[in-house]
Amino acid sequence: MLQPLQNIKALAIDLDGTTYLGNEAFPFTFNFVEGLQAYGIKYLFLTNNSSKSSEEHRQKLERMGISVTRDQIYTSQDATIEYLRSVTTGSSLYLLATPGVVREFEEAGYETDSSTPEFVVLAFDLSLTYEKLDRACYFVRKGVPFIATHEDVTWIESEDHRYPDCGALAAAITTATGRKPKFLGKPNPEMVQGFLKRLNLHPGEVAIIGDKLETDIRMGQMNGITTFLVLTGETKPEDLSVSSIQPDFVLQRNVDVLNYLVPQK
């Protein structure tokens, strides 16, 4: 198992549950990032959390003391925007998203509150209202293609608090309309293609580190990418014994991955 790690040039690192929990970075995350820099290992932060724009994610990391560039953050809305560009030359959407994410789509050239949308796009909308939900259902019933940024049903803020996530909101629209969305975040291929392109690397040159079996680890399994599961977030040791999705390596903390990587400098 250690032989493939000789070729690892970059890490795709999950945020929630792997890098931090809620609004606090894990204390060992700083040594983790410093170690990657010392090893000459490239890295980007990979998140399904589309409640924040990429710039808002960057600012959150900055407040925690982790300096990154915009290009070092790849989100499910990045994958969604890139997918839309690949399938249509149009720009009219009905978008359910927080104000920061709405701005991100608008900066990418999309109209986000169209009365004749080509797509209904659902993000992790913490500003969701009944009016927005009803309008989205109206368009979906009319046959407008339905896209959701990611399929996670809960988002962990702390050990005892989980928000209903994008997958749960999508389920409400599906129940009301009978139509399921196309999901684009982890573990789907659009997310993989996007972050590999951003890193300019092949699957065998990248490893994924995350806390969720169904998204982070499943994505690696499906695409021939080495996976590291950390036990600081969603997945607990007892979950591994009953899951068909198994990581290549199980770590207590993100910093432990440094024991497996080969310095590139």
C-alpha atoms as a PDB file:
ATOM      1  CA  MET A   1       0.000   0.000   0.000  1.00  0.00           C
ATOM      2  CA  LEU A   2       2.858   2.410   0.654  1.00  0.00           C
ATOM      3  CA  GLN A   3       4.346   2.113  -2.828  1.00  0.00           C
ATOM      4  CA  PRO A   4       1.725   4.347  -4.576  1.00  0.00           C
ATOM      5  CA  LEU A   5       2.404   7.118  -2.056  1.00  0.00           C
ATOM      6  CA  GLN A   6       5.794   7.679  -3.666  1.00  0.00           C
ATOM      7  CA  ASN A   7       3.902   9.451  -6.468  1.00  0.00           C
ATOM      8  CA  ILE A   8       1.664  11.710  -4.352  1.00  0.00           C
ATOM      9  CA  LYS A   9       2.322  15.338  -5.282  1.00  0.00           C
ATOM     10  CA  ALA A  10      -0.796  16.960  -3.833  1.00  0.00           C
ATOM     11  CA  LEU A  11      -3.580  16.571  -1.279  1.00  0.00           C
ATOM     12  CA  ALA A  12      -7.258  17.424  -1.711  1.00  0.00           C
ATOM     13  CA  ILE A  13      -8.256  18.330   1.849  1.00  0.00           C
ATOM     14  CA  ASP A  14     -11.814  18.425   3.176  1.00  0.00           C
ATOM     15  CA  LEU A  15     -12.737  21.380   5.403  1.00  0.00           C
ATOM     16  CA  ASP A  16     -15.605  20.650   7.831  1.00  0.00           C
ATOM     17  CA  GLY A  17     -14.644  17.828  10.185  1.00  0.00           C
ATOM     18  CA  THR A  18     -11.140  17.471   8.741  1.00  0.00           C
ATOM     19  CA  THR A  19      -9.506  20.903   8.913  1.00  0.00           C
ATOM     20  CA  TYR A  20     -11.837  22.483  11.447  1.00  0.00           C
ATOM     21  CA  LEU A  21     -15.107  21.957  13.286  1.00  0.00           C
ATOM     22  CA  GLY A  22     -17.534  24.864  13.345  1.00  0.00           C
ATOM     23  CA  ASN A  23     -15.498  28.046  13.654  1.00  0.00           C
ATOM     24  CA  GLU A  24     -12.336  26.620  15.178  1.00  0.00           C
ATOM     25  CA  ALA A  25      -9.431  24.949  13.439  1.00  0.00           C
ATOM     26  CA  PHE A  26      -8.189  21.755  15.016  1.00  0.00           C
ATOM     27  CA  PRO A  27      -4.971  22.689  16.861  1.00  0.00           C
ATOM     28  CA  PHE A  28      -2.954  20.134  14.886  1.00  0.00           C
ATOM     29  CA  THR A  29      -4.080  21.596  11.544  1.00  0.00           C
ATOM     30  CA  PHE A  30      -1.366  24.254  11.691  1.00  0.00           C
ATOM     31  CA  ASN A  31       1.409  21.658  11.935  1.00  0.00           C
ATOM     32  CA  PHE A  32      -0.316  19.720   9.145  1.00  0.00           C
ATOM     33  CA  VAL A  33      -0.261  22.676   6.736  1.00  0.00           C
ATOM     34  CA  GLU A  34       3.285  23.645   7.713  1.00  0.00           C
ATOM     35  CA  GLY A  35       4.375  20.062   7.128  1.00  0.00           C
ATOM     36  CA  LEU A  36       2.873  19.987   3.632  1.00  0.00           C
ATOM     37  CA  GLN A  37       4.670  23.217   2.792  1.00  0.00           C
ATOM     38  CA  ALA A  38       7.968  21.835   4.117  1.00  0.00           C
ATOM     39  CA  TYR A  39       7.499  18.641   2.091  1.00  0.00           C
ATOM     40  CA  GLY A  40       6.730  20.572  -1.091  1.00  0.00           C
ATOM     41  CA  ILE A  41       3.320  18.865  -1.368  1.00  0.00           C
ATOM     42  CA  LYS A  42       0.717  20.978  -3.165  1.00  0.00           C
ATOM     43  CA  TYR A  43      -2.712  21.153  -1.581  1.00  0.00           C
ATOM     44  CA  LEU A  44      -6.154  22.597  -2.026  1.00  0.00           C
ATOM     45  CA  PHE A  45      -9.158  22.622   0.257  1.00  0.00           C
ATOM     46  CA  LEU A  46     -12.121  20.757  -1.165  1.00  0.00           C
ATOM     47  CA  THR A  47     -15.600  21.364   0.195  1.00  0.00           C
ATOM     48  CA  ASN A  48     -19.217  20.583  -0.575  1.00  0.00           C
ATOM     49  CA  ASN A  49     -20.296  23.431   1.707  1.00  0.00           C
ATOM     50  CA  SER A  50     -22.023  25.828  -0.699  1.00  0.00           C
ATOM     51  CA  SER A  51     -23.421  28.078   2.027  1.00  0.00           C
ATOM     52  CA  LYS A  52     -20.334  30.270   1.589  1.00  0.00           C
ATOM     53  CA  SER A  53     -18.614  31.687  -1.464  1.00  0.00           C
ATOM     54  CA  SER A  54     -15.030  30.655  -2.103  1.00  0.00           C
ATOM     55  CA  GLU A  55     -13.891  34.052  -0.861  1.00  0.00           C
ATOM     56  CA  GLU A  56     -15.921  33.618   2.338  1.00  0.00           C
ATOM     57  CA  HIS A  57     -14.296  30.206   2.855  1.00  0.00           C
ATOM     58  CA  ARG A  58     -10.880  31.817   2.309  1.00  0.00           C
ATOM     59  CA  GLN A  59     -11.652  34.556   4.827  1.00  0.00           C
ATOM     60  CA  LYS A  60     -12.831  31.984   7.387  1.00  0.00           C
ATOM     61  CA  LEU A  61      -9.561  30.073   7.042  1.00  0.00           C
ATOM     62  CA  GLU A  62      -7.634  33.343   7.279  1.00  0.00           C
ATOM     63  CA  ARG A  63      -9.399  34.225  10.555  1.00  0.00           C
ATOM     64  CA  MET A  64      -8.309  30.837  11.892  1.00  0.00           C
ATOM     65  CA  GLY A  65      -4.701  31.601  10.967  1.00  0.00           C
ATOM     66  CA  ILE A  66      -4.545  29.489   7.784  1.00  0.00           C
ATOM     67  CA  SER A  67      -3.446  31.556   4.785  1.00  0.00           C
ATOM     68  CA  VAL A  68      -4.622  30.305   1.398  1.00  0.00           C
ATOM     69  CA  THR A  69      -5.303  31.785  -2.022  1.00  0.00           C
ATOM     70  CA  ARG A  70      -8.635  31.646  -3.847  1.00  0.00           C
ATOM     71  CA  ASP A  71      -7.160  29.027  -6.179  1.00  0.00           C
ATOM     72  CA  GLN A  72      -6.473  26.739  -3.200  1.00  0.00           C
ATOM     73  CA  ILE A  73     -10.200  26.384  -2.490  1.00  0.00           C
ATOM     74  CA  TYR A  74     -12.448  24.272  -4.714  1.00  0.00           C
ATOM     75  CA  THR A  75     -16.140  24.136  -3.863  1.00  0.00           C
ATOM     76  CA  SER A  76     -19.246  22.333  -5.059  1.00  0.00           C
ATOM     77  CA  GLN A  77     -20.455  25.600  -6.584  1.00  0.00           C
ATOM     78  CA  ASP A  78     -17.194  25.801  -8.568  1.00  0.00           C
ATOM     79  CA  ALA A  79     -18.036  22.367  -9.970  1.00  0.00           C
ATOM     80  CA  THR A  80     -21.608  23.510 -10.648  1.00  0.00           C
ATOM     81  CA  ILE A  81     -20.554  26.634 -12.537  1.00  0.00           C
ATOM     82  CA  GLU A  82     -18.075  24.641 -14.610  1.00  0.00           C
ATOM     83  CA  TYR A  83     -20.737  22.028 -15.375  1.00  0.00           C
ATOM     84  CA  LEU A  84     -23.215  24.686 -16.503  1.00  0.00           C
ATOM     85  CA  ARG A  85     -20.598  26.176 -18.825  1.00  0.00           C
ATOM     86  CA  SER A  86     -20.040  22.732 -20.342  1.00  0.00           C
ATOM     87  CA  VAL A  87     -23.705  22.011 -21.124  1.00  0.00           C
ATOM     88  CA  THR A  88     -25.173  25.369 -22.138  1.00  0.00           C
ATOM     89  CA  THR A  89     -24.264  28.736 -23.600  1.00  0.00           C
ATOM     90  CA  GLY A  90     -27.194  30.300 -21.741  1.00  0.00           C
ATOM     91  CA  SER A  91     -27.018  32.217 -18.482  1.00  0.00           C
ATOM     92  CA  SER A  92     -30.516  32.242 -16.948  1.00  0.00           C
ATOM     93  CA  LEU A  93     -30.976  30.432 -13.631  1.00  0.00           C
ATOM     94  CA  TYR A  94     -33.329  30.261 -10.708  1.00  0.00           C
ATOM     95  CA  LEU A  95     -30.790  29.973  -7.903  1.00  0.00           C
ATOM     96  CA  LEU A  96     -31.481  29.139  -4.263  1.00  0.00           C
ATOM     97  CA  ALA A  97     -28.366  30.266  -2.414  1.00  0.00           C
ATOM     98  CA  THR A  98     -27.000  32.623   0.210  1.00  0.00           C
ATOM     99  CA  PRO A  99     -26.110  36.184  -0.908  1.00  0.00           C
ATOM    100  CA  GLY A 100     -22.378  35.438  -1.155  1.00  0.00           C
ATOM    101  CA  VAL A 101     -22.945  32.428  -3.396  1.00  0.00           C
ATOM    102  CA  VAL A 102     -25.473  34.368  -5.501  1.00  0.00           C
ATOM    103  CA  ARG A 103     -22.750  36.977  -6.115  1.00  0.00           C
ATOM    104  CA  GLU A 104     -20.351  34.202  -7.097  1.00  0.00           C
ATOM    105  CA  PHE A 105     -22.738  32.953  -9.807  1.00  0.00           C
ATOM    106  CA  GLU A 106     -23.429  36.496 -10.961  1.00  0.00           C
ATOM    107  CA  GLU A 107     -19.710  37.224 -11.232  1.00  0.00           C
ATOM    108  CA  ALA A 108     -19.485  34.094 -13.403  1.00  0.00           C
ATOM    109  CA  GLY A 109     -22.011  35.693 -15.765  1.00  0.00           C
ATOM    110  CA  TYR A 110     -25.301  34.122 -14.650  1.00  0.00           C
ATOM    111  CA  GLU A 111     -28.673  35.732 -14.103  1.00  0.00           C
ATOM    112  CA  THR A 112     -29.809  34.201 -10.819  1.00  0.00           C
ATOM    113  CA  ASP A 113     -33.495  35.180 -10.508  1.00  0.00           C
ATOM    114  CA  SER A 114     -34.812  34.569 -13.992  1.00  0.00           C
ATOM    115  CA  SER A 115     -38.535  34.223 -14.698  1.00  0.00           C
ATOM    116  CA  THR A 116     -37.617  31.885 -17.577  1.00  0.00           C
ATOM    117  CA  PRO A 117     -34.661  29.905 -16.180  1.00  0.00           C
ATOM    118  CA  GLU A 118     -32.793  27.232 -18.105  1.00  0.00           C
ATOM    119  CA  PHE A 119     -31.889  25.525 -14.822  1.00  0.00           C
ATOM    120  CA  VAL A 120     -33.055  25.514 -11.219  1.00  0.00           C
ATOM    121  CA  VAL A 121     -29.898  25.413  -9.076  1.00  0.00           C
ATOM    122  CA  LEU A 122     -30.027  24.592  -5.370  1.00  0.00           C
ATOM    123  CA  ALA A 123     -27.105  25.345  -3.063  1.00  0.00           C
ATOM    124  CA  PHE A 124     -26.880  25.009   0.738  1.00  0.00           C
ATOM    125  CA  ASP A 125     -29.202  27.974   1.168  1.00  0.00           C
ATOM    126  CA  LEU A 126     -29.232  29.189   4.754  1.00  0.00           C
ATOM    127  CA  SER A 127     -31.417  32.095   3.592  1.00  0.00           C
ATOM    128  CA  LEU A 128     -34.098  29.779   2.189  1.00  0.00           C
ATOM    129  CA  THR A 129     -37.693  31.043   2.411  1.00  0.00           C
ATOM    130  CA  TYR A 130     -40.977  29.335   1.644  1.00  0.00           C
ATOM    131  CA  GLU A 131     -41.435  31.694  -1.307  1.00  0.00           C
ATOM    132  CA  LYS A 132     -38.101  30.634  -2.841  1.00  0.00           C
ATOM    133  CA  LEU A 133     -38.877  26.949  -2.264  1.00  0.00           C
ATOM    134  CA  ASP A 134     -42.315  27.284  -3.845  1.00  0.00           C
ATOM    135  CA  ARG A 135     -40.906  29.133  -6.879  1.00  0.00           C
ATOM    136  CA  ALA A 136     -38.250  26.468  -7.400  1.00  0.00           C
ATOM    137  CA  CYS A 137     -40.889  23.722  -7.259  1.00  0.00           C
ATOM    138  CA  TYR A 138     -43.006  25.615  -9.799  1.00  0.00           C
ATOM    139  CA  PHE A 139     -40.155  25.663 -12.331  1.00  0.00           C
ATOM    140  CA  VAL A 140     -39.147  22.046 -11.676  1.00  0.00           C
ATOM    141  CA  ARG A 141     -42.742  20.882 -12.225  1.00  0.00           C
ATOM    142  CA  LYS A 142     -42.688  22.776 -15.534  1.00  0.00           C
ATOM    143  CA  GLY A 143     -39.739  20.644 -16.622  1.00  0.00           C
ATOM    144  CA  VAL A 144     -36.821  22.997 -15.956  1.00  0.00           C
ATOM    145  CA  PRO A 145     -33.701  20.868 -15.272  1.00  0.00           C
ATOM    146  CA  PHE A 146     -32.936  20.648 -11.539  1.00  0.00           C
ATOM    147  CA  ILE A 147     -29.359  20.775 -10.244  1.00  0.00           C
ATOM    148  CA  ALA A 148     -28.086  20.649  -6.647  1.00  0.00           C
ATOM    149  CA  THR A 149     -24.546  21.545  -5.664  1.00  0.00           C
ATOM    150  CA  HIS A 150     -24.116  18.497  -3.419  1.00  0.00           C
ATOM    151  CA  GLU A 151     -25.975  15.627  -1.767  1.00  0.00           C
ATOM    152  CA  ASP A 152     -24.933  15.806   1.927  1.00  0.00           C
ATOM    153  CA  VAL A 153     -28.102  15.726   4.031  1.00  0.00           C
ATOM    154  CA  THR A 154     -26.563  17.217   7.203  1.00  0.00           C
ATOM    155  CA  TRP A 155     -23.728  19.597   8.022  1.00  0.00           C
ATOM    156  CA  ILE A 156     -21.958  19.325  11.369  1.00  0.00           C
ATOM    157  CA  GLU A 157     -21.462  22.619  13.191  1.00  0.00           C
ATOM    158  CA  SER A 158     -20.494  20.972  16.497  1.00  0.00           C
ATOM    159  CA  GLU A 159     -20.683  17.591  18.174  1.00  0.00           C
ATOM    160  CA  ASP A 160     -24.355  18.128  19.091  1.00  0.00           C
ATOM    161  CA  HIS A 161     -25.627  20.324  16.241  1.00  0.00           C
ATOM    162  CA  ARG A 162     -26.284  19.292  12.641  1.00  0.00           C
ATOM    163  CA  TYR A 163     -27.906  21.564  10.064  1.00  0.00           C
ATOM    164  CA  PRO A 164     -30.167  20.196   7.311  1.00  0.00           C
ATOM    165  CA  ASP A 165     -27.833  20.400   4.312  1.00  0.00           C
ATOM    166  CA  CYS A 166     -28.376  20.699   0.564  1.00  0.00           C
ATOM    167  CA  GLY A 167     -29.387  17.048   0.154  1.00  0.00           C
ATOM    168  CA  ALA A 168     -32.187  17.495   2.685  1.00  0.00           C
ATOM    169  CA  LEU A 169     -33.409  20.650   0.928  1.00  0.00           C
ATOM    170  CA  ALA A 170     -33.276  18.822  -2.411  1.00  0.00           C
ATOM    171  CA  ALA A 171     -35.385  16.023  -0.925  1.00  0.00           C
ATOM    172  CA  ALA A 172     -38.118  18.545  -0.105  1.00  0.00           C
ATOM    173  CA  ILE A 173     -38.249  19.700  -3.738  1.00  0.00           C
ATOM    174  CA  THR A 174     -38.179  16.091  -4.953  1.00  0.00           C
ATOM    175  CA  THR A 175     -41.055  15.161  -2.641  1.00  0.00           C
ATOM    176  CA  ALA A 176     -43.114  18.088  -3.900  1.00  0.00           C
ATOM    177  CA  THR A 177     -42.359  17.589  -7.609  1.00  0.00           C
ATOM    178  CA  GLY A 178     -41.422  13.929  -8.067  1.00  0.00           C
ATOM    179  CA  ARG A 179     -38.154  14.968  -9.741  1.00  0.00           C
ATOM    180  CA  LYS A 180     -34.653  14.317  -8.443  1.00  0.00           C
ATOM    181  CA  PRO A 181     -31.770  16.718  -9.082  1.00  0.00           C
ATOM    182  CA  LYS A 182     -28.426  16.111 -10.695  1.00  0.00           C
ATOM    183  CA  PHE A 183     -25.878  16.403  -7.861  1.00  0.00           C
ATOM    184  CA  LEU A 184     -22.458  17.875  -8.691  1.00  0.00           C
ATOM    185  CA  GLY A 185     -20.315  17.991  -5.528  1.00  0.00           C
ATOM    186  CA  LYS A 186     -18.399  15.167  -3.867  1.00  0.00           C
ATOM    187  CA  PRO A 187     -18.374  12.265  -4.726  1.00  0.00           C
ATOM    188  CA  ASN A 188     -19.510  12.999  -8.281  1.00  0.00           C
ATOM    189  CA  PRO A 189     -17.165  13.014 -11.304  1.00  0.00           C
ATOM    190  CA  GLU A 190     -17.596  16.742 -12.004  1.00  0.00           C
ATOM    191  CA  MET A 191     -15.982  17.519  -8.643  1.00  0.00           C
ATOM    192  CA  VAL A 192     -13.064  15.195  -9.350  1.00  0.00           C
ATOM    193  CA  GLN A 193     -12.490  16.566 -12.836  1.00  0.00           C
ATOM    194  CA  GLY A 194     -12.573  20.100 -11.459  1.00  0.00           C
ATOM    195  CA  PHE A 195     -10.029  19.736  -8.685  1.00  0.00           C
ATOM    196  CA  LEU A 196      -7.680  17.608 -10.804  1.00  0.00           C
ATOM    197  CA  LYS A 197      -7.759  20.314 -13.470  1.00  0.00           C
ATOM    198  CA  ARG A 198      -7.113  22.966 -10.821  1.00  0.00           C
ATOM    199  CA  LEU A 199      -4.080  21.005  -9.568  1.00  0.00           C
ATOM    200  CA  ASN A 200      -3.001  20.011 -13.110  1.00  0.00           C
ATOM    201  CA  LEU A 201      -2.373  16.457 -11.910  1.00  0.00           C
ATOM    202  CA  HIS A 202      -3.573  12.896 -12.602  1.00  0.00           C
ATOM    203  CA  PRO A 203      -5.526  10.719 -10.099  1.00  0.00           C
ATOM    204  CA  GLY A 204      -2.427   8.705  -9.181  1.00  0.00           C
ATOM    205  CA  GLU A 205      -0.612  11.869  -8.135  1.00  0.00           C
ATOM    206  CA  VAL A 206      -3.254  13.056  -5.650  1.00  0.00           C
ATOM    207  CA  ALA A 207      -4.617  11.811  -2.324  1.00  0.00           C
ATOM    208  CA  ILE A 208      -7.899  12.796  -0.679  1.00  0.00           C
ATOM    209  CA  ILE A 209      -8.162  13.365   3.061  1.00  0.00           C
ATOM    210  CA  GLY A 210     -11.592  13.696   4.640  1.00  0.00           C
ATOM    211  CA  ASP A 211     -13.983  12.581   7.374  1.00  0.00           C
ATOM    212  CA  LYS A 212     -16.955  11.218   5.383  1.00  0.00           C
ATOM    213  CA  LEU A 213     -17.161   7.745   3.896  1.00  0.00           C
ATOM    214  CA  GLU A 214     -20.047   8.559   1.539  1.00  0.00           C
ATOM    215  CA  THR A 215     -18.403  11.604  -0.022  1.00  0.00           C
ATOM    216  CA  ASP A 216     -14.641  11.912   0.499  1.00  0.00           C
ATOM    217  CA  ILE A 217     -13.720   8.224   0.591  1.00  0.00           C
ATOM    218  CA  ARG A 218     -16.297   7.077  -1.942  1.00  0.00           C
ATOM    219  CA  MET A 219     -15.025   9.721  -4.373  1.00  0.00           C
ATOM    220  CA  GLY A 220     -11.498   8.385  -4.110  1.00  0.00           C
ATOM    221  CA  GLN A 221     -12.651   4.785  -4.510  1.00  0.00           C
ATOM    222  CA  MET A 222     -14.609   5.605  -7.651  1.00  0.00           C
ATOM    223  CA  ASN A 223     -11.714   7.403  -9.305  1.00  0.00           C
ATOM    224  CA  GLY A 224      -8.586   5.480  -8.354  1.00  0.00           C
ATOM    225  CA  ILE A 225      -7.409   8.129  -5.884  1.00  0.00           C
ATOM    226  CA  THR A 226      -5.677   7.227  -2.603  1.00  0.00           C
ATOM    227  CA  THR A 227      -7.856   8.058   0.420  1.00  0.00           C
ATOM    228  CA  PHE A 228      -7.153   8.962   4.033  1.00  0.00           C
ATOM    229  CA  LEU A 229     -10.053   8.931   6.491  1.00  0.00           C
ATOM    230  CA  VAL A 230      -9.734  11.069   9.630  1.00  0.00           C
ATOM    231  CA  LEU A 231     -11.757  10.361  12.769  1.00  0.00           C
ATOM    232  CA  THR A 232     -12.272  14.010  13.783  1.00  0.00           C
ATOM    233  CA  GLY A 233     -15.647  14.505  12.103  1.00  0.00           C
ATOM    234  CA  GLU A 234     -18.537  12.462  10.723  1.00  0.00           C
ATOM    235  CA  THR A 235     -17.142   8.919  10.718  1.00  0.00           C
ATOM    236  CA  LYS A 236     -16.494   6.956  13.904  1.00  0.00           C
ATOM    237  CA  PRO A 237     -14.445   3.722  14.183  1.00  0.00           C
ATOM    238  CA  GLU A 238     -17.592   1.608  14.587  1.00  0.00           C
ATOM    239  CA  ASP A 239     -18.930   2.914  11.261  1.00  0.00           C
ATOM    240  CA  LEU A 240     -16.064   1.267   9.394  1.00  0.00           C
ATOM    241  CA  SER A 241     -17.066  -2.220  10.469  1.00  0.00           C
ATOM    242  CA  VAL A 242     -20.470  -1.957   8.776  1.00  0.00           C
ATOM    243  CA  SER A 243     -19.612   0.062   5.670  1.00  0.00           C
ATOM    244  CA  SER A 244     -18.830  -1.250   2.191  1.00  0.00           C
ATOM    245  CA  ILE A 245     -16.827   1.937   1.605  1.00  0.00           C
ATOM    246  CA  GLN A 246     -13.343   1.524   3.031  1.00  0.00           C
ATOM    247  CA  PRO A 247     -10.476   4.052   2.991  1.00  0.00           C
ATOM    248  CA  ASP A 248      -6.915   3.153   2.096  1.00  0.00           C
ATOM    249  CA  PHE A 249      -5.730   4.586   5.421  1.00  0.00           C
ATOM    250  CA  VAL A 250      -7.427   5.555   8.697  1.00  0.00           C
ATOM    251  CA  LEU A 251      -5.922   8.410  10.723  1.00  0.00           C
ATOM    252  CA  GLN A 252      -6.775   9.939  14.054  1.00  0.00           C
ATOM    253  CA  ARG A 253      -5.916  13.461  12.806  1.00  0.00           C
ATOM    254  CA  ASN A 254      -5.037  15.222   9.558  1.00  0.00           C
ATOM    255  CA  VAL A 255      -1.441  15.831  10.666  1.00  0.00           C
ATOM    256  CA  ASP A 256      -0.842  12.074  10.825  1.00  0.00           C
ATOM    257  CA  VAL A 257      -0.805  11.932   7.032  1.00  0.00           C
ATOM    258  CA  LEU A 258       2.695  13.414   7.072  1.00  0.00           C
ATOM    259  CA  ASN A 259       3.966  10.014   8.223  1.00  0.00           C
ATOM    260  CA  TYR A 260       2.918   8.548   4.865  1.00  0.00           C
ATOM    261  CA  LEU A 261       4.023  11.214   2.396  1.00  0.00           C
ATOM    262  CA  VAL A 262       7.360  11.479   0.606  1.00  0.00           C
ATOM    263  CA  PRO A 263       8.944  14.969   0.525  1.00  0.00           C
ATOM    264  CA  GLN A 264       8.989  16.421  -2.980  1.00  0.00           C
ATOM    265  CA  LYS A 265      11.699  18.979  -2.269  1.00  0.00           C
END
